Amino acid sequence: MKYSDRQRIEKIYENASKLCAYIDEHKIKKEDLLNEFSLQWLVTTPLYNIGEHAYNLSNEYKKAHSTIQWSMIAGVRHRLVHDYDGTNWSIIADVVFEELPILIKQLEEIFNEE
């Protein structure tokens, strides 16, 4: 299926929001993610999806919303997919616990503008 930029942004928002809500609901901490294999698997699918949709946004859309680090978001996905055994879970934990909430707010601002 070919998604529009708007649909991709909605998918990114949905995945990020659901992941953050799950983490909050289950009171998952950074240390848990660093040490529990099942939680590492839990976060990878939403991060894959977020990164894939970010990667496939049009260049025009990325330029219009250049305050968001689209290439870094896509890069997380590429690293998880192509170098899973070499994943630095400390970085992934920072992404999940620090960067995703910021991304959610940035996307909400985009939705309010459009």
N, C-alpha and C. Protein backbone atom coordinates (compact mmCIF):
# COMPACT_ATOMS: atom_id res chain seq x y z
N MET A 1 0.84 -1.18 0.00
CA MET A 1 0.00 0.00 0.00
C MET A 1 0.88 1.24 0.00
N LYS A 2 0.54 2.18 -0.81
CA LYS A 2 1.24 3.46 -0.88
C LYS A 2 0.56 4.42 0.09
N TYR A 3 1.34 4.93 1.02
CA TYR A 3 0.81 5.87 2.01
C TYR A 3 1.14 7.30 1.61
N SER A 4 0.25 8.21 1.95
CA SER A 4 0.54 9.63 1.80
C SER A 4 1.43 10.06 2.97
N ASP A 5 2.03 11.23 2.85
CA ASP A 5 2.82 11.74 3.96
C ASP A 5 1.97 11.86 5.22
N ARG A 6 0.77 12.35 5.07
CA ARG A 6 -0.13 12.49 6.23
C ARG A 6 -0.39 11.14 6.88
N GLN A 7 -0.65 10.11 6.08
CA GLN A 7 -0.88 8.78 6.63
C GLN A 7 0.36 8.26 7.34
N ARG A 8 1.52 8.53 6.77
CA ARG A 8 2.77 8.08 7.40
C ARG A 8 2.97 8.78 8.75
N ILE A 9 2.69 10.06 8.80
CA ILE A 9 2.83 10.80 10.06
C ILE A 9 1.85 10.25 11.10
N GLU A 10 0.66 9.95 10.67
CA GLU A 10 -0.33 9.38 11.59
C GLU A 10 0.14 8.02 12.11
N LYS A 11 0.74 7.22 11.25
CA LYS A 11 1.26 5.90 11.66
C LYS A 11 2.43 6.08 12.64
N ILE A 12 3.30 7.02 12.36
CA ILE A 12 4.41 7.29 13.28
C ILE A 12 3.87 7.70 14.65
N TYR A 13 2.92 8.61 14.63
CA TYR A 13 2.31 9.10 15.88
C TYR A 13 1.64 7.95 16.64
N GLU A 14 0.88 7.14 15.93
CA GLU A 14 0.17 6.02 16.55
C GLU A 14 1.15 5.05 17.21
N ASN A 15 2.19 4.66 16.48
CA ASN A 15 3.17 3.72 17.04
C ASN A 15 3.90 4.32 18.23
N ALA A 16 4.33 5.55 18.12
CA ALA A 16 5.05 6.20 19.22
C ALA A 16 4.15 6.35 20.45
N SER A 17 2.93 6.77 20.24
CA SER A 17 1.99 6.97 21.35
C SER A 17 1.65 5.65 22.04
N LYS A 18 1.39 4.63 21.26
CA LYS A 18 1.05 3.33 21.85
C LYS A 18 2.24 2.76 22.63
N LEU A 19 3.44 2.90 22.09
CA LEU A 19 4.61 2.40 22.80
C LEU A 19 4.82 3.15 24.11
N CYS A 20 4.73 4.46 24.08
CA CYS A 20 4.90 5.25 25.31
C CYS A 20 3.80 4.93 26.32
N ALA A 21 2.58 4.76 25.86
CA ALA A 21 1.48 4.43 26.76
C ALA A 21 1.69 3.07 27.41
N TYR A 22 2.15 2.11 26.63
CA TYR A 22 2.42 0.77 27.18
C TYR A 22 3.50 0.83 28.25
N ILE A 23 4.55 1.57 27.95
CA ILE A 23 5.65 1.71 28.91
C ILE A 23 5.16 2.36 30.20
N ASP A 24 4.37 3.40 30.08
CA ASP A 24 3.82 4.07 31.26
C ASP A 24 2.88 3.15 32.03
N GLU A 25 1.99 2.50 31.31
CA GLU A 25 0.99 1.63 31.94
C GLU A 25 1.64 0.49 32.71
N HIS A 26 2.73 -0.04 32.19
CA HIS A 26 3.40 -1.18 32.83
C HIS A 26 4.59 -0.76 33.70
N LYS A 27 4.74 0.56 33.85
CA LYS A 27 5.78 1.12 34.72
C LYS A 27 7.18 0.57 34.38
N ILE A 28 7.45 0.50 33.09
CA ILE A 28 8.74 0.02 32.61
C ILE A 28 9.77 1.14 32.75
N LYS A 29 10.92 0.80 33.25
CA LYS A 29 12.01 1.76 33.45
C LYS A 29 13.12 1.48 32.44
N LYS A 30 14.01 2.46 32.27
CA LYS A 30 15.15 2.29 31.36
C LYS A 30 15.94 1.03 31.69
N GLU A 31 16.19 0.83 32.97
CA GLU A 31 16.97 -0.33 33.41
C GLU A 31 16.31 -1.63 32.99
N ASP A 32 14.98 -1.66 33.02
CA ASP A 32 14.25 -2.85 32.59
C ASP A 32 14.53 -3.13 31.12
N LEU A 33 14.47 -2.09 30.31
CA LEU A 33 14.70 -2.25 28.88
C LEU A 33 16.14 -2.70 28.60
N LEU A 34 17.07 -2.20 29.38
CA LEU A 34 18.47 -2.58 29.19
C LEU A 34 18.73 -4.04 29.51
N ASN A 35 17.92 -4.61 30.40
CA ASN A 35 18.22 -5.95 30.91
C ASN A 35 17.24 -7.04 30.52
N GLU A 36 16.09 -6.70 29.98
CA GLU A 36 15.09 -7.73 29.69
C GLU A 36 14.90 -7.90 28.18
N PHE A 37 15.26 -9.07 27.73
CA PHE A 37 15.19 -9.39 26.31
C PHE A 37 13.77 -9.23 25.77
N SER A 38 12.77 -9.64 26.54
CA SER A 38 11.38 -9.54 26.06
C SER A 38 10.97 -8.09 25.83
N LEU A 39 11.45 -7.19 26.65
CA LEU A 39 11.14 -5.78 26.47
C LEU A 39 11.88 -5.21 25.26
N GLN A 40 13.07 -5.69 25.02
CA GLN A 40 13.82 -5.27 23.84
C GLN A 40 13.05 -5.66 22.58
N TRP A 41 12.53 -6.86 22.57
CA TRP A 41 11.72 -7.30 21.43
C TRP A 41 10.45 -6.46 21.33
N LEU A 42 9.87 -6.11 22.46
CA LEU A 42 8.64 -5.33 22.48
C LEU A 42 8.81 -3.97 21.81
N VAL A 43 9.93 -3.32 22.02
CA VAL A 43 10.11 -1.97 21.47
C VAL A 43 10.58 -1.98 20.02
N THR A 44 11.14 -3.09 19.56
CA THR A 44 11.72 -3.07 18.22
C THR A 44 10.67 -2.92 17.13
N THR A 45 9.54 -3.59 17.22
CA THR A 45 8.54 -3.49 16.15
C THR A 45 8.01 -2.07 15.99
N PRO A 46 7.60 -1.40 17.06
CA PRO A 46 7.17 0.00 16.86
C PRO A 46 8.29 0.88 16.31
N LEU A 47 9.53 0.66 16.77
CA LEU A 47 10.63 1.47 16.25
C LEU A 47 10.92 1.17 14.79
N TYR A 48 10.79 -0.10 14.39
CA TYR A 48 10.91 -0.45 12.97
C TYR A 48 9.89 0.34 12.16
N ASN A 49 8.64 0.28 12.61
CA ASN A 49 7.56 0.92 11.86
C ASN A 49 7.73 2.44 11.80
N ILE A 50 8.09 3.03 12.91
CA ILE A 50 8.32 4.47 12.94
C ILE A 50 9.43 4.84 11.96
N GLY A 51 10.52 4.11 12.01
CA GLY A 51 11.65 4.40 11.13
C GLY A 51 11.34 4.18 9.67
N GLU A 52 10.60 3.15 9.37
CA GLU A 52 10.23 2.87 7.98
C GLU A 52 9.35 3.98 7.41
N HIS A 53 8.37 4.40 8.18
CA HIS A 53 7.50 5.49 7.71
C HIS A 53 8.27 6.80 7.59
N ALA A 54 9.16 7.08 8.53
CA ALA A 54 9.97 8.30 8.45
C ALA A 54 10.86 8.27 7.21
N TYR A 55 11.45 7.13 6.94
CA TYR A 55 12.34 6.99 5.78
C TYR A 55 11.59 7.26 4.47
N ASN A 56 10.34 6.83 4.42
CA ASN A 56 9.57 6.92 3.18
C ASN A 56 8.75 8.20 3.03
N LEU A 57 8.88 9.13 3.97
CA LEU A 57 8.25 10.44 3.76
C LEU A 57 8.89 11.11 2.56
N SER A 58 8.12 11.92 1.88
CA SER A 58 8.68 12.64 0.73
C SER A 58 9.74 13.63 1.20
N ASN A 59 10.70 13.89 0.34
CA ASN A 59 11.74 14.87 0.66
C ASN A 59 11.15 16.23 0.94
N GLU A 60 10.09 16.58 0.21
CA GLU A 60 9.43 17.88 0.42
C GLU A 60 8.85 17.97 1.83
N TYR A 61 8.24 16.90 2.29
CA TYR A 61 7.65 16.90 3.63
C TYR A 61 8.75 17.00 4.69
N LYS A 62 9.82 16.25 4.49
CA LYS A 62 10.93 16.30 5.45
C LYS A 62 11.53 17.71 5.51
N LYS A 63 11.66 18.35 4.37
CA LYS A 63 12.20 19.71 4.34
C LYS A 63 11.24 20.70 5.00
N ALA A 64 9.95 20.51 4.78
CA ALA A 64 8.96 21.40 5.37
C ALA A 64 8.90 21.27 6.90
N HIS A 65 9.33 20.13 7.41
CA HIS A 65 9.31 19.87 8.86
C HIS A 65 10.71 19.45 9.30
N SER A 66 11.66 20.28 8.98
CA SER A 66 13.07 19.94 9.18
C SER A 66 13.53 19.99 10.64
N THR A 67 12.67 20.44 11.55
CA THR A 67 13.07 20.42 12.96
C THR A 67 13.07 19.00 13.52
N ILE A 68 12.42 18.10 12.81
CA ILE A 68 12.42 16.69 13.22
C ILE A 68 13.57 15.99 12.51
N GLN A 69 14.30 15.21 13.23
CA GLN A 69 15.49 14.53 12.71
C GLN A 69 15.09 13.24 11.98
N TRP A 70 14.49 13.39 10.81
CA TRP A 70 13.97 12.25 10.07
C TRP A 70 15.04 11.20 9.77
N SER A 71 16.22 11.64 9.38
CA SER A 71 17.27 10.68 9.03
C SER A 71 17.73 9.89 10.26
N MET A 72 17.73 10.51 11.41
CA MET A 72 18.10 9.79 12.63
C MET A 72 17.03 8.77 13.01
N ILE A 73 15.78 9.14 12.82
CA ILE A 73 14.68 8.22 13.11
C ILE A 73 14.77 7.00 12.19
N ALA A 74 14.98 7.24 10.91
CA ALA A 74 15.14 6.13 9.97
C ALA A 74 16.40 5.33 10.29
N GLY A 75 17.44 6.01 10.73
CA GLY A 75 18.69 5.33 11.06
C GLY A 75 18.55 4.34 12.20
N VAL A 76 17.71 4.67 13.18
CA VAL A 76 17.46 3.74 14.28
C VAL A 76 16.87 2.44 13.72
N ARG A 77 15.92 2.58 12.82
CA ARG A 77 15.31 1.41 12.21
C ARG A 77 16.35 0.58 11.46
N HIS A 78 17.18 1.24 10.67
CA HIS A 78 18.19 0.52 9.88
C HIS A 78 19.17 -0.22 10.79
N ARG A 79 19.57 0.43 11.88
CA ARG A 79 20.49 -0.23 12.81
C ARG A 79 19.85 -1.44 13.47
N LEU A 80 18.59 -1.29 13.89
CA LEU A 80 17.91 -2.42 14.53
C LEU A 80 17.75 -3.59 13.56
N VAL A 81 17.40 -3.30 12.33
CA VAL A 81 17.15 -4.35 11.35
C VAL A 81 18.45 -5.01 10.88
N HIS A 82 19.46 -4.20 10.58
CA HIS A 82 20.65 -4.72 9.93
C HIS A 82 21.80 -5.06 10.88
N ASP A 83 21.70 -4.60 12.12
CA ASP A 83 22.77 -4.90 13.08
C ASP A 83 22.16 -5.20 14.45
N TYR A 84 21.12 -6.04 14.45
CA TYR A 84 20.39 -6.29 15.70
C TYR A 84 21.31 -6.78 16.81
N ASP A 85 22.22 -7.71 16.48
CA ASP A 85 23.11 -8.25 17.50
C ASP A 85 24.07 -7.20 18.05
N GLY A 86 24.30 -6.15 17.29
CA GLY A 86 25.19 -5.08 17.73
C GLY A 86 24.45 -3.89 18.32
N THR A 87 23.17 -4.05 18.60
CA THR A 87 22.36 -2.93 19.09
C THR A 87 22.88 -2.44 20.44
N ASN A 88 23.03 -1.15 20.54
CA ASN A 88 23.39 -0.52 21.80
C ASN A 88 22.09 -0.16 22.50
N TRP A 89 21.70 -0.96 23.45
CA TRP A 89 20.40 -0.80 24.10
C TRP A 89 20.33 0.45 24.97
N SER A 90 21.47 0.97 25.36
CA SER A 90 21.48 2.23 26.09
C SER A 90 20.98 3.36 25.19
N ILE A 91 21.41 3.35 23.94
CA ILE A 91 20.93 4.36 22.98
C ILE A 91 19.45 4.16 22.70
N ILE A 92 19.03 2.93 22.51
CA ILE A 92 17.61 2.65 22.24
C ILE A 92 16.77 3.08 23.43
N ALA A 93 17.25 2.83 24.64
CA ALA A 93 16.50 3.26 25.84
C ALA A 93 16.36 4.78 25.86
N ASP A 94 17.41 5.49 25.50
CA ASP A 94 17.32 6.95 25.42
C ASP A 94 16.29 7.38 24.38
N VAL A 95 16.30 6.70 23.25
CA VAL A 95 15.32 7.01 22.20
C VAL A 95 13.90 6.81 22.73
N VAL A 96 13.67 5.67 23.35
CA VAL A 96 12.32 5.33 23.82
C VAL A 96 11.87 6.26 24.95
N PHE A 97 12.73 6.50 25.91
CA PHE A 97 12.32 7.23 27.10
C PHE A 97 12.48 8.74 26.99
N GLU A 98 13.36 9.21 26.11
CA GLU A 98 13.59 10.64 26.02
C GLU A 98 13.15 11.24 24.69
N GLU A 99 13.46 10.57 23.61
CA GLU A 99 13.20 11.14 22.29
C GLU A 99 11.76 10.92 21.81
N LEU A 100 11.18 9.77 22.08
CA LEU A 100 9.80 9.52 21.60
C LEU A 100 8.80 10.52 22.15
N PRO A 101 8.83 10.85 23.45
CA PRO A 101 7.88 11.86 23.94
C PRO A 101 8.05 13.21 23.23
N ILE A 102 9.28 13.57 22.90
CA ILE A 102 9.52 14.82 22.16
C ILE A 102 8.94 14.72 20.76
N LEU A 103 9.17 13.58 20.10
CA LEU A 103 8.62 13.37 18.76
C LEU A 103 7.10 13.45 18.77
N ILE A 104 6.47 12.86 19.75
CA ILE A 104 5.01 12.91 19.85
C ILE A 104 4.53 14.36 19.91
N LYS A 105 5.17 15.17 20.72
CA LYS A 105 4.79 16.59 20.82
C LYS A 105 5.02 17.32 19.51
N GLN A 106 6.14 17.03 18.84
CA GLN A 106 6.40 17.67 17.55
C GLN A 106 5.33 17.29 16.53
N LEU A 107 4.92 16.05 16.53
CA LEU A 107 3.88 15.60 15.59
C LEU A 107 2.54 16.24 15.92
N GLU A 108 2.24 16.39 17.19
CA GLU A 108 1.00 17.07 17.58
C GLU A 108 0.99 18.50 17.09
N GLU A 109 2.14 19.15 17.12
CA GLU A 109 2.23 20.51 16.61
C GLU A 109 1.98 20.54 15.09
N ILE A 110 2.51 19.55 14.39
CA ILE A 110 2.26 19.45 12.95
C ILE A 110 0.78 19.26 12.69
N PHE A 111 0.14 18.37 13.46
CA PHE A 111 -1.29 18.14 13.26
C PHE A 111 -2.09 19.42 13.50
N ASN A 112 -1.69 20.21 14.48
CA ASN A 112 -2.39 21.46 14.78
C ASN A 112 -2.20 22.51 13.69
N GLU A 113 -1.07 22.44 12.97
CA GLU A 113 -0.79 23.39 11.90
C GLU A 113 -1.58 23.07 10.64
N GLU A 114 -1.78 21.79 10.39
CA GLU A 114 -2.38 21.36 9.12
C GLU A 114 -3.89 21.38 9.16
